């Protein structure tokens, strides 16, 4: 079984997000980025989103979790995901809350 890498998964998630209406998402570039910032930033129907992408057994670092928590407190859609489906569920959960 071929293991997916984070870069390819991030591209797939971005493609899926950007196909949704009223959604714009970009990959945050690594250079000059504050440690802990999420991999994907953007907006879904006017609400900022911050998504951390992980593969395999990897989990977000304490700094990444802190970043997501700070933005969630500000009313943003935040979370960490391991698949395109999980990214879509993140938006659905927000929409139904």
PDB file of N, CA and C in Angstrom:
ATOM      1  N   UNK A   1       0.836  -1.183   0.000  1.00  0.00           N
ATOM      2  CA  UNK A   1       0.000   0.000   0.000  1.00  0.00           C
ATOM      3  C   UNK A   1       0.883   1.250   0.000  1.00  0.00           C
ATOM      4  N   UNK A   2       0.586   2.186  -0.888  1.00  0.00           N
ATOM      5  CA  UNK A   2       1.368   3.415  -0.978  1.00  0.00           C
ATOM      6  C   UNK A   2       0.839   4.408   0.039  1.00  0.00           C
ATOM      7  N   UNK A   3       1.758   4.934   0.824  1.00  0.00           N
ATOM      8  CA  UNK A   3       1.379   5.904   1.839  1.00  0.00           C
ATOM      9  C   UNK A   3       1.373   7.309   1.233  1.00  0.00           C
ATOM     10  N   UNK A   4       0.309   8.018   1.447  1.00  0.00           N
ATOM     11  CA  UNK A   4       0.168   9.371   0.915  1.00  0.00           C
ATOM     12  C   UNK A   4       1.021  10.346   1.732  1.00  0.00           C
ATOM     13  N   UNK A   5       1.659  11.293   1.054  1.00  0.00           N
ATOM     14  CA  UNK A   5       2.410  12.288   1.807  1.00  0.00           C
ATOM     15  C   UNK A   5       1.552  13.534   2.024  1.00  0.00           C
ATOM     16  N   UNK A   6       1.983  14.332   2.983  1.00  0.00           N
ATOM     17  CA  UNK A   6       1.193  15.501   3.383  1.00  0.00           C
ATOM     18  C   UNK A   6       1.031  16.508   2.249  1.00  0.00           C
ATOM     19  N   UNK A   7       2.061  16.694   1.451  1.00  0.00           N
ATOM     20  CA  UNK A   7       1.996  17.659   0.355  1.00  0.00           C
ATOM     21  C   UNK A   7       0.899  17.274  -0.642  1.00  0.00           C
ATOM     22  N   UNK A   8       0.850  15.997  -1.037  1.00  0.00           N
ATOM     23  CA  UNK A   8      -0.165  15.548  -1.993  1.00  0.00           C
ATOM     24  C   UNK A   8      -1.563  15.606  -1.401  1.00  0.00           C
ATOM     25  N   UNK A   9      -1.699  15.231  -0.136  1.00  0.00           N
ATOM     26  CA  UNK A   9      -2.998  15.298   0.520  1.00  0.00           C
ATOM     27  C   UNK A   9      -3.477  16.745   0.611  1.00  0.00           C
ATOM     28  N   UNK A  10      -2.575  17.652   0.933  1.00  0.00           N
ATOM     29  CA  UNK A  10      -2.929  19.072   1.008  1.00  0.00           C
ATOM     30  C   UNK A  10      -3.445  19.563  -0.342  1.00  0.00           C
ATOM     31  N   UNK A  11      -2.791  19.166  -1.433  1.00  0.00           N
ATOM     32  CA  UNK A  11      -3.243  19.556  -2.778  1.00  0.00           C
ATOM     33  C   UNK A  11      -4.649  19.047  -3.054  1.00  0.00           C
ATOM     34  N   UNK A  12      -4.933  17.805  -2.665  1.00  0.00           N
ATOM     35  CA  UNK A  12      -6.263  17.230  -2.884  1.00  0.00           C
ATOM     36  C   UNK A  12      -7.320  17.969  -2.070  1.00  0.00           C
ATOM     37  N   UNK A  13      -6.977  18.300  -0.832  1.00  0.00           N
ATOM     38  CA  UNK A  13      -7.917  19.034   0.020  1.00  0.00           C
ATOM     39  C   UNK A  13      -8.177  20.421  -0.560  1.00  0.00           C
ATOM     40  N   UNK A  14      -7.127  21.101  -0.991  1.00  0.00           N
ATOM     41  CA  UNK A  14      -7.298  22.428  -1.592  1.00  0.00           C
ATOM     42  C   UNK A  14      -8.187  22.372  -2.828  1.00  0.00           C
ATOM     43  N   UNK A  15      -7.985  21.374  -3.666  1.00  0.00           N
ATOM     44  CA  UNK A  15      -8.810  21.226  -4.869  1.00  0.00           C
ATOM     45  C   UNK A  15     -10.276  21.067  -4.477  1.00  0.00           C
ATOM     46  N   UNK A  16     -10.548  20.202  -3.511  1.00  0.00           N
ATOM     47  CA  UNK A  16     -11.928  19.959  -3.083  1.00  0.00           C
ATOM     48  C   UNK A  16     -12.544  21.210  -2.465  1.00  0.00           C
ATOM     49  N   UNK A  17     -11.783  21.906  -1.632  1.00  0.00           N
ATOM     50  CA  UNK A  17     -12.304  23.117  -0.998  1.00  0.00           C
ATOM     51  C   UNK A  17     -12.617  24.189  -2.033  1.00  0.00           C
ATOM     52  N   UNK A  18     -11.704  24.383  -2.960  1.00  0.00           N
ATOM     53  CA  UNK A  18     -11.868  25.452  -3.940  1.00  0.00           C
ATOM     54  C   UNK A  18     -12.938  25.154  -4.990  1.00  0.00           C
ATOM     55  N   UNK A  19     -13.445  23.933  -5.018  1.00  0.00           N
ATOM     56  CA  UNK A  19     -14.571  23.593  -5.884  1.00  0.00           C
ATOM     57  C   UNK A  19     -15.908  23.922  -5.226  1.00  0.00           C
ATOM     58  N   UNK A  20     -15.894  24.207  -3.929  1.00  0.00           N
ATOM     59  CA  UNK A  20     -17.127  24.554  -3.215  1.00  0.00           C
ATOM     60  C   UNK A  20     -17.502  26.004  -3.496  1.00  0.00           C
ATOM     61  N   UNK A  21     -18.797  26.300  -3.555  1.00  0.00           N
ATOM     62  CA  UNK A  21     -19.204  27.697  -3.749  1.00  0.00           C
ATOM     63  C   UNK A  21     -18.813  28.558  -2.551  1.00  0.00           C
ATOM     64  N   UNK A  22     -18.495  29.799  -2.844  1.00  0.00           N
ATOM     65  CA  UNK A  22     -18.153  30.785  -1.814  1.00  0.00           C
ATOM     66  C   UNK A  22     -17.030  30.310  -0.899  1.00  0.00           C
ATOM     67  N   UNK A  23     -16.046  29.633  -1.498  1.00  0.00           N
ATOM     68  CA  UNK A  23     -14.911  29.120  -0.736  1.00  0.00           C
ATOM     69  C   UNK A  23     -13.616  29.446  -1.459  1.00  0.00           C
ATOM     70  N   UNK A  24     -12.627  29.880  -0.707  1.00  0.00           N
ATOM     71  CA  UNK A  24     -11.283  30.109  -1.229  1.00  0.00           C
ATOM     72  C   UNK A  24     -10.305  29.606  -0.181  1.00  0.00           C
ATOM     73  N   UNK A  25      -9.401  28.725  -0.594  1.00  0.00           N
ATOM     74  CA  UNK A  25      -8.408  28.177   0.329  1.00  0.00           C
ATOM     75  C   UNK A  25      -7.058  28.124  -0.366  1.00  0.00           C
ATOM     76  N   UNK A  26      -6.004  28.408   0.396  1.00  0.00           N
ATOM     77  CA  UNK A  26      -4.644  28.375  -0.135  1.00  0.00           C
ATOM     78  C   UNK A  26      -3.734  27.645   0.834  1.00  0.00           C
ATOM     79  N   UNK A  27      -2.626  27.149   0.288  1.00  0.00           N
ATOM     80  CA  UNK A  27      -1.583  26.529   1.099  1.00  0.00           C
ATOM     81  C   UNK A  27      -0.717  27.634   1.658  1.00  0.00           C
ATOM     82  N   UNK A  28      -0.520  27.623   2.943  1.00  0.00           N
ATOM     83  CA  UNK A  28       0.365  28.609   3.566  1.00  0.00           C
ATOM     84  C   UNK A  28       1.799  28.193   3.267  1.00  0.00           C
ATOM     85  N   UNK A  29       2.575  29.098   2.750  1.00  0.00           N
ATOM     86  CA  UNK A  29       3.978  28.811   2.427  1.00  0.00           C
ATOM     87  C   UNK A  29       4.809  28.700   3.696  1.00  0.00           C
ATOM     88  N   UNK A  30       5.766  27.803   3.688  1.00  0.00           N
ATOM     89  CA  UNK A  30       6.566  27.527   4.892  1.00  0.00           C
ATOM     90  C   UNK A  30       7.552  28.649   5.215  1.00  0.00           C
ATOM     91  N   UNK A  31       8.079  29.319   4.208  1.00  0.00           N
ATOM     92  CA  UNK A  31       9.084  30.345   4.478  1.00  0.00           C
ATOM     93  C   UNK A  31       8.444  31.577   5.108  1.00  0.00           C
ATOM     94  N   UNK A  32       9.027  32.033   6.184  1.00  0.00           N
ATOM     95  CA  UNK A  32       8.548  33.233   6.854  1.00  0.00           C
ATOM     96  C   UNK A  32       7.281  33.032   7.659  1.00  0.00           C
ATOM     97  N   UNK A  33       6.894  31.796   7.881  1.00  0.00           N
ATOM     98  CA  UNK A  33       5.677  31.495   8.619  1.00  0.00           C
ATOM     99  C   UNK A  33       5.990  31.326  10.100  1.00  0.00           C
ATOM    100  N   UNK A  34       5.117  31.854  10.919  1.00  0.00           N
ATOM    101  CA  UNK A  34       5.238  31.670  12.364  1.00  0.00           C
ATOM    102  C   UNK A  34       5.041  30.189  12.681  1.00  0.00           C
ATOM    103  N   UNK A  35       5.872  29.636  13.526  1.00  0.00           N
ATOM    104  CA  UNK A  35       5.727  28.242  13.913  1.00  0.00           C
ATOM    105  C   UNK A  35       4.323  27.986  14.443  1.00  0.00           C
ATOM    106  N   UNK A  36       3.748  26.875  14.014  1.00  0.00           N
ATOM    107  CA  UNK A  36       2.445  26.488  14.507  1.00  0.00           C
ATOM    108  C   UNK A  36       1.293  26.851  13.592  1.00  0.00           C
ATOM    109  N   UNK A  37       1.518  27.716  12.604  1.00  0.00           N
ATOM    110  CA  UNK A  37       0.420  28.101  11.712  1.00  0.00           C
ATOM    111  C   UNK A  37      -0.079  26.889  10.926  1.00  0.00           C
ATOM    112  N   UNK A  38      -1.379  26.857  10.676  1.00  0.00           N
ATOM    113  CA  UNK A  38      -1.989  25.749   9.947  1.00  0.00           C
ATOM    114  C   UNK A  38      -1.528  25.718   8.498  1.00  0.00           C
ATOM    115  N   UNK A  39      -1.610  24.539   7.896  1.00  0.00           N
ATOM    116  CA  UNK A  39      -1.184  24.355   6.506  1.00  0.00           C
ATOM    117  C   UNK A  39      -2.075  25.094   5.515  1.00  0.00           C
ATOM    118  N   UNK A  40      -3.371  25.118   5.791  1.00  0.00           N
ATOM    119  CA  UNK A  40      -4.342  25.714   4.872  1.00  0.00           C
ATOM    120  C   UNK A  40      -5.058  26.863   5.568  1.00  0.00           C
ATOM    121  N   UNK A  41      -5.189  27.962   4.854  1.00  0.00           N
ATOM    122  CA  UNK A  41      -5.964  29.094   5.343  1.00  0.00           C
ATOM    123  C   UNK A  41      -6.916  29.521   4.239  1.00  0.00           C
ATOM    124  N   UNK A  42      -7.991  30.159   4.608  1.00  0.00           N
ATOM    125  CA  UNK A  42      -8.939  30.600   3.600  1.00  0.00           C
ATOM    126  C   UNK A  42     -10.247  31.034   4.219  1.00  0.00           C
ATOM    127  N   UNK A  43     -11.309  30.934   3.422  1.00  0.00           N
ATOM    128  CA  UNK A  43     -12.636  31.320   3.901  1.00  0.00           C
ATOM    129  C   UNK A  43     -13.684  30.405   3.287  1.00  0.00           C
ATOM    130  N   UNK A  44     -14.701  30.125   4.074  1.00  0.00           N
ATOM    131  CA  UNK A  44     -15.845  29.328   3.645  1.00  0.00           C
ATOM    132  C   UNK A  44     -17.093  30.126   3.960  1.00  0.00           C
ATOM    133  N   UNK A  45     -17.771  30.588   2.910  1.00  0.00           N
ATOM    134  CA  UNK A  45     -18.983  31.389   3.059  1.00  0.00           C
ATOM    135  C   UNK A  45     -18.767  32.573   4.000  1.00  0.00           C
ATOM    136  N   UNK A  46     -17.626  33.229   3.832  1.00  0.00           N
ATOM    137  CA  UNK A  46     -17.329  34.430   4.590  1.00  0.00           C
ATOM    138  C   UNK A  46     -16.701  34.203   5.957  1.00  0.00           C
ATOM    139  N   UNK A  47     -16.473  32.960   6.322  1.00  0.00           N
ATOM    140  CA  UNK A  47     -15.876  32.664   7.626  1.00  0.00           C
ATOM    141  C   UNK A  47     -14.485  32.089   7.407  1.00  0.00           C
ATOM    142  N   UNK A  48     -13.529  32.662   8.105  1.00  0.00           N
ATOM    143  CA  UNK A  48     -12.148  32.213   7.966  1.00  0.00           C
ATOM    144  C   UNK A  48     -12.021  30.758   8.361  1.00  0.00           C
ATOM    145  N   UNK A  49     -11.129  30.043   7.647  1.00  0.00           N
ATOM    146  CA  UNK A  49     -10.839  28.675   8.031  1.00  0.00           C
ATOM    147  C   UNK A  49      -9.338  28.461   8.146  1.00  0.00           C
ATOM    148  N   UNK A  50      -8.979  27.616   9.076  1.00  0.00           N
ATOM    149  CA  UNK A  50      -7.592  27.243   9.339  1.00  0.00           C
ATOM    150  C   UNK A  50      -7.580  25.728   9.508  1.00  0.00           C
ATOM    151  N   UNK A  51      -6.876  25.039   8.615  1.00  0.00           N
ATOM    152  CA  UNK A  51      -6.857  23.575   8.648  1.00  0.00           C
ATOM    153  C   UNK A  51      -5.421  23.063   8.659  1.00  0.00           C
ATOM    154  N   UNK A  52      -5.137  22.199   9.602  1.00  0.00           N
ATOM    155  CA  UNK A  52      -3.845  21.522   9.681  1.00  0.00           C
ATOM    156  C   UNK A  52      -4.011  20.147   9.046  1.00  0.00           C
ATOM    157  N   UNK A  53      -3.080  19.768   8.180  1.00  0.00           N
ATOM    158  CA  UNK A  53      -3.143  18.485   7.480  1.00  0.00           C
ATOM    159  C   UNK A  53      -2.088  17.543   8.055  1.00  0.00           C
ATOM    160  N   UNK A  54      -2.508  16.318   8.356  1.00  0.00           N
ATOM    161  CA  UNK A  54      -1.601  15.299   8.871  1.00  0.00           C
ATOM    162  C   UNK A  54      -1.842  13.996   8.122  1.00  0.00           C
ATOM    163  N   UNK A  55      -0.819  13.167   8.046  1.00  0.00           N
ATOM    164  CA  UNK A  55      -0.948  11.848   7.425  1.00  0.00           C
ATOM    165  C   UNK A  55      -0.460  10.784   8.404  1.00  0.00           C
ATOM    166  N   UNK A  56      -0.908   9.560   8.164  1.00  0.00           N
ATOM    167  CA  UNK A  56      -0.474   8.445   9.003  1.00  0.00           C
ATOM    168  C   UNK A  56      -0.838   8.652  10.458  1.00  0.00           C
ATOM    169  N   UNK A  57       0.112   8.347  11.320  1.00  0.00           N
ATOM    170  CA  UNK A  57      -0.104   8.493  12.763  1.00  0.00           C
ATOM    171  C   UNK A  57       0.309   9.863  13.288  1.00  0.00           C
ATOM    172  N   UNK A  58       0.734  10.750  12.408  1.00  0.00           N
ATOM    173  CA  UNK A  58       1.175  12.081  12.830  1.00  0.00           C
ATOM    174  C   UNK A  58       0.013  12.859  13.435  1.00  0.00           C
ATOM    175  N   UNK A  59       0.335  13.644  14.448  1.00  0.00           N
ATOM    176  CA  UNK A  59      -0.651  14.512  15.104  1.00  0.00           C
ATOM    177  C   UNK A  59      -0.089  15.924  15.164  1.00  0.00           C
ATOM    178  N   UNK A  60      -0.959  16.920  15.305  1.00  0.00           N
ATOM    179  CA  UNK A  60      -0.477  18.300  15.400  1.00  0.00           C
ATOM    180  C   UNK A  60       0.407  18.494  16.630  1.00  0.00           C
ATOM    181  N   UNK A  61       1.340  19.419  16.501  1.00  0.00           N
ATOM    182  CA  UNK A  61       2.188  19.774  17.635  1.00  0.00           C
ATOM    183  C   UNK A  61       1.389  20.649  18.604  1.00  0.00           C
ATOM    184  N   UNK A  62       1.946  20.863  19.767  1.00  0.00           N
ATOM    185  CA  UNK A  62       1.303  21.740  20.749  1.00  0.00           C
ATOM    186  C   UNK A  62       1.113  23.140  20.171  1.00  0.00           C
ATOM    187  N   UNK A  63       2.104  23.641  19.434  1.00  0.00           N
ATOM    188  CA  UNK A  63       1.982  24.967  18.816  1.00  0.00           C
ATOM    189  C   UNK A  63       0.872  25.000  17.769  1.00  0.00           C
ATOM    190  N   UNK A  64       0.750  23.936  16.992  1.00  0.00           N
ATOM    191  CA  UNK A  64      -0.308  23.882  15.983  1.00  0.00           C
ATOM    192  C   UNK A  64      -1.685  23.842  16.639  1.00  0.00           C
ATOM    193  N   UNK A  65      -1.816  23.062  17.700  1.00  0.00           N
ATOM    194  CA  UNK A  65      -3.090  23.005  18.422  1.00  0.00           C
ATOM    195  C   UNK A  65      -3.431  24.350  19.049  1.00  0.00           C
ATOM    196  N   UNK A  66      -2.411  25.044  19.548  1.00  0.00           N
ATOM    197  CA  UNK A  66      -2.629  26.374  20.120  1.00  0.00           C
ATOM    198  C   UNK A  66      -3.115  27.336  19.038  1.00  0.00           C
ATOM    199  N   UNK A  67      -2.498  27.289  17.856  1.00  0.00           N
ATOM    200  CA  UNK A  67      -2.899  28.137  16.731  1.00  0.00           C
ATOM    201  C   UNK A  67      -4.374  27.905  16.394  1.00  0.00           C
ATOM    202  N   UNK A  68      -4.751  26.633  16.247  1.00  0.00           N
ATOM    203  CA  UNK A  68      -6.134  26.301  15.913  1.00  0.00           C
ATOM    204  C   UNK A  68      -7.092  26.769  17.006  1.00  0.00           C
ATOM    205  N   UNK A  69      -6.691  26.612  18.248  1.00  0.00           N
ATOM    206  CA  UNK A  69      -7.535  27.018  19.375  1.00  0.00           C
ATOM    207  C   UNK A  69      -7.761  28.528  19.388  1.00  0.00           C
ATOM    208  N   UNK A  70      -6.709  29.289  19.142  1.00  0.00           N
ATOM    209  CA  UNK A  70      -6.826  30.749  19.137  1.00  0.00           C
ATOM    210  C   UNK A  70      -7.799  31.220  18.060  1.00  0.00           C
ATOM    211  N   UNK A  71      -7.726  30.630  16.881  1.00  0.00           N
ATOM    212  CA  UNK A  71      -8.613  31.026  15.796  1.00  0.00           C
ATOM    213  C   UNK A  71     -10.034  30.530  16.030  1.00  0.00           C
ATOM    214  N   UNK A  72     -10.177  29.374  16.640  1.00  0.00           N
ATOM    215  CA  UNK A  72     -11.526  28.874  16.962  1.00  0.00           C
ATOM    216  C   UNK A  72     -12.225  29.819  17.942  1.00  0.00           C
ATOM    217  N   UNK A  73     -11.479  30.311  18.929  1.00  0.00           N
ATOM    218  CA  UNK A  73     -12.039  31.257  19.897  1.00  0.00           C
ATOM    219  C   UNK A  73     -12.503  32.539  19.216  1.00  0.00           C
ATOM    220  N   UNK A  74     -11.895  32.870  18.081  1.00  0.00           N
ATOM    221  CA  UNK A  74     -12.265  34.075  17.329  1.00  0.00           C
ATOM    222  C   UNK A  74     -13.432  33.812  16.371  1.00  0.00           C
ATOM    223  N   UNK A  75     -13.966  32.589  16.379  1.00  0.00           N
ATOM    224  CA  UNK A  75     -15.119  32.278  15.559  1.00  0.00           C
ATOM    225  C   UNK A  75     -14.819  31.642  14.220  1.00  0.00           C
ATOM    226  N   UNK A  76     -13.575  31.254  14.016  1.00  0.00           N
ATOM    227  CA  UNK A  76     -13.181  30.651  12.741  1.00  0.00           C
ATOM    228  C   UNK A  76     -13.463  29.149  12.716  1.00  0.00           C
ATOM    229  N   UNK A  77     -13.517  28.609  11.523  1.00  0.00           N
ATOM    230  CA  UNK A  77     -13.609  27.164  11.327  1.00  0.00           C
ATOM    231  C   UNK A  77     -12.194  26.620  11.430  1.00  0.00           C
ATOM    232  N   UNK A  78     -11.951  25.730  12.357  1.00  0.00           N
ATOM    233  CA  UNK A  78     -10.604  25.203  12.541  1.00  0.00           C
ATOM    234  C   UNK A  78     -10.646  23.698  12.769  1.00  0.00           C
ATOM    235  N   UNK A  79      -9.529  23.059  12.483  1.00  0.00           N
ATOM    236  CA  UNK A  79      -9.407  21.644  12.778  1.00  0.00           C
ATOM    237  C   UNK A  79      -8.201  21.051  12.100  1.00  0.00           C
ATOM    238  N   UNK A  80      -7.939  19.800  12.452  1.00  0.00           N
ATOM    239  CA  UNK A  80      -6.878  19.082  11.759  1.00  0.00           C
ATOM    240  C   UNK A  80      -7.486  17.834  11.153  1.00  0.00           C
ATOM    241  N   UNK A  81      -7.004  17.499   9.959  1.00  0.00           N
ATOM    242  CA  UNK A  81      -7.624  16.442   9.175  1.00  0.00           C
ATOM    243  C   UNK A  81      -6.575  15.502   8.591  1.00  0.00           C
ATOM    244  N   UNK A  82      -7.048  14.285   8.246  1.00  0.00           N
ATOM    245  CA  UNK A  82      -6.185  13.280   7.620  1.00  0.00           C
ATOM    246  C   UNK A  82      -6.675  12.878   6.235  1.00  0.00           C
ATOM    247  N   UNK A  83      -7.748  13.534   5.748  1.00  0.00           N
ATOM    248  CA  UNK A  83      -8.295  13.170   4.437  1.00  0.00           C
ATOM    249  C   UNK A  83      -9.165  14.300   3.897  1.00  0.00           C
ATOM    250  N   UNK A  84      -9.494  14.182   2.613  1.00  0.00           N
ATOM    251  CA  UNK A  84     -10.410  15.139   1.990  1.00  0.00           C
ATOM    252  C   UNK A  84     -11.771  15.032   2.674  1.00  0.00           C
ATOM    253  N   UNK A  85     -12.210  13.807   2.933  1.00  0.00           N
ATOM    254  CA  UNK A  85     -13.514  13.610   3.583  1.00  0.00           C
ATOM    255  C   UNK A  85     -13.573  14.300   4.944  1.00  0.00           C
ATOM    256  N   UNK A  86     -12.509  14.193   5.723  1.00  0.00           N
ATOM    257  CA  UNK A  86     -12.488  14.856   7.033  1.00  0.00           C
ATOM    258  C   UNK A  86     -12.546  16.370   6.885  1.00  0.00           C
ATOM    259  N   UNK A  87     -11.904  16.912   5.862  1.00  0.00           N
ATOM    260  CA  UNK A  87     -11.955  18.365   5.625  1.00  0.00           C
ATOM    261  C   UNK A  87     -13.386  18.791   5.286  1.00  0.00           C
ATOM    262  N   UNK A  88     -14.066  18.001   4.466  1.00  0.00           N
ATOM    263  CA  UNK A  88     -15.454  18.315   4.113  1.00  0.00           C
ATOM    264  C   UNK A  88     -16.367  18.199   5.340  1.00  0.00           C
ATOM    265  N   UNK A  89     -16.130  17.200   6.175  1.00  0.00           N
ATOM    266  CA  UNK A  89     -16.915  17.044   7.408  1.00  0.00           C
ATOM    267  C   UNK A  89     -16.713  18.219   8.350  1.00  0.00           C
ATOM    268  N   UNK A  90     -15.510  18.751   8.382  1.00  0.00           N
ATOM    269  CA  UNK A  90     -15.225  19.920   9.213  1.00  0.00           C
ATOM    270  C   UNK A  90     -16.143  21.076   8.831  1.00  0.00           C
ATOM    271  N   UNK A  91     -16.319  21.297   7.541  1.00  0.00           N
ATOM    272  CA  UNK A  91     -17.208  22.366   7.063  1.00  0.00           C
ATOM    273  C   UNK A  91     -18.665  22.030   7.342  1.00  0.00           C
ATOM    274  N   UNK A  92     -19.054  20.787   7.155  1.00  0.00           N
ATOM    275  CA  UNK A  92     -20.431  20.384   7.420  1.00  0.00           C
ATOM    276  C   UNK A  92     -20.785  20.546   8.900  1.00  0.00           C
ATOM    277  N   UNK A  93     -19.864  20.168   9.769  1.00  0.00           N
ATOM    278  CA  UNK A  93     -20.108  20.329  11.209  1.00  0.00           C
ATOM    279  C   UNK A  93     -20.302  21.794  11.564  1.00  0.00           C
ATOM    280  N   UNK A  94     -19.524  22.660  10.931  1.00  0.00           N
ATOM    281  CA  UNK A  94     -19.664  24.085  11.203  1.00  0.00           C
ATOM    282  C   UNK A  94     -21.027  24.591  10.717  1.00  0.00           C
ATOM    283  N   UNK A  95     -21.402  24.168   9.530  1.00  0.00           N
ATOM    284  CA  UNK A  95     -22.641  24.618   8.926  1.00  0.00           C
ATOM    285  C   UNK A  95     -23.858  24.189   9.755  1.00  0.00           C
ATOM    286  N   UNK A  96     -23.764  23.035  10.397  1.00  0.00           N
ATOM    287  CA  UNK A  96     -24.901  22.533  11.171  1.00  0.00           C
ATOM    288  C   UNK A  96     -24.895  23.030  12.618  1.00  0.00           C
ATOM    289  N   UNK A  97     -23.863  23.759  13.018  1.00  0.00           N
ATOM    290  CA  UNK A  97     -23.816  24.230  14.418  1.00  0.00           C
ATOM    291  C   UNK A  97     -24.469  25.585  14.586  1.00  0.00           C
TER     292      UNK A  97
END
